[in-house]
Protein backbone atom coordinates (compact mmCIF):
# COMPACT_ATOMS: atom_id res chain seq x y z
CA MET A 1 93.53 49.88 13.69
CA ILE A 2 97.03 51.30 14.04
CA LEU A 3 98.68 51.30 17.43
CA THR A 4 99.89 54.62 18.79
CA PRO A 5 101.81 55.70 21.90
CA ASP A 6 98.37 56.30 23.44
CA ASP A 7 97.96 52.51 23.51
CA ILE A 8 100.84 52.12 25.98
CA PRO A 9 98.68 52.53 29.14
CA ALA A 10 96.26 49.85 27.90
CA ILE A 11 99.11 47.51 27.04
CA ASN A 12 100.67 48.22 30.42
CA ARG A 13 97.44 47.18 32.19
CA TYR A 14 97.52 43.76 30.56
CA PHE A 15 101.29 43.27 30.63
CA PRO A 16 102.47 45.18 33.72
CA ALA A 17 105.83 43.43 33.98
CA THR A 18 106.75 43.79 30.32
CA ASP A 19 109.63 46.15 29.65
CA ILE A 20 108.95 46.41 25.94
CA ASN A 21 110.97 49.46 25.03
CA SER A 22 114.23 48.16 26.45
CA MET A 23 113.56 44.79 24.77
CA ARG A 24 114.46 42.97 28.00
CA PHE A 25 111.36 40.84 27.98
CA LEU A 26 111.26 37.17 27.06
CA THR A 27 110.24 36.06 23.59
CA HIS A 28 107.13 34.29 24.89
CA ASP A 29 106.04 37.53 26.60
CA ARG A 30 106.32 39.38 23.30
CA ASP A 31 104.43 36.58 21.57
CA LYS A 32 101.61 36.83 24.12
CA LEU A 33 101.48 40.59 23.61
CA VAL A 34 101.34 40.19 19.81
CA LEU A 35 98.50 37.68 20.16
CA TYR A 36 96.63 40.03 22.50
CA LEU A 37 97.07 42.98 20.14
CA ALA A 38 95.97 40.89 17.17
CA ARG A 39 92.84 39.76 18.99
CA VAL A 40 91.68 43.11 20.36
CA ASN A 41 92.51 45.07 17.21
CA GLU A 42 91.35 42.39 14.75
CA LEU A 43 94.76 42.22 13.09
CA SER A 44 96.69 39.31 11.67
CA ILE A 45 99.63 38.09 13.75
CA THR A 46 102.01 39.66 11.21
CA GLU A 47 100.18 42.99 11.31
CA ALA A 48 100.14 43.02 15.11
CA SER A 49 103.85 42.22 15.24
CA GLU A 50 104.63 45.01 12.77
CA GLN A 51 102.47 47.46 14.74
CA LEU A 52 104.24 46.51 17.97
CA ASP A 53 107.60 47.11 16.30
CA LEU A 54 106.39 50.54 15.14
CA LEU A 55 105.15 51.38 18.63
CA ILE A 56 108.52 50.41 20.10
CA ALA A 57 110.28 52.58 17.52
CA VAL A 58 108.12 55.59 18.46
CA ARG A 59 109.00 55.31 22.15
CA PRO A 60 112.50 53.77 22.24
CA THR A 61 113.45 55.10 25.67
CA GLU A 62 110.22 54.79 27.65
CA ASN A 63 109.74 51.78 29.87
CA LEU A 64 106.15 50.52 29.76
CA GLN A 65 106.27 49.70 33.45
CA HIS A 66 106.25 53.41 34.16
CA ALA A 67 103.89 54.57 31.40
CA GLY A 68 100.41 55.85 32.15
């Protein structure tokens, strides 16, 4: 499964304080998000990390705290 900008509201529900697009979140928060995405989408950790990077690139200016 490939992540899309439509996944932002779901991510926001599980990580409401994560400001992913500004990259101001702590490394362990990103790691938890990658693990979550890997688990729910049945991806490897590497695949989930790459998908998260792609999702960030698609929405570079939107703060997840205010999405959806």
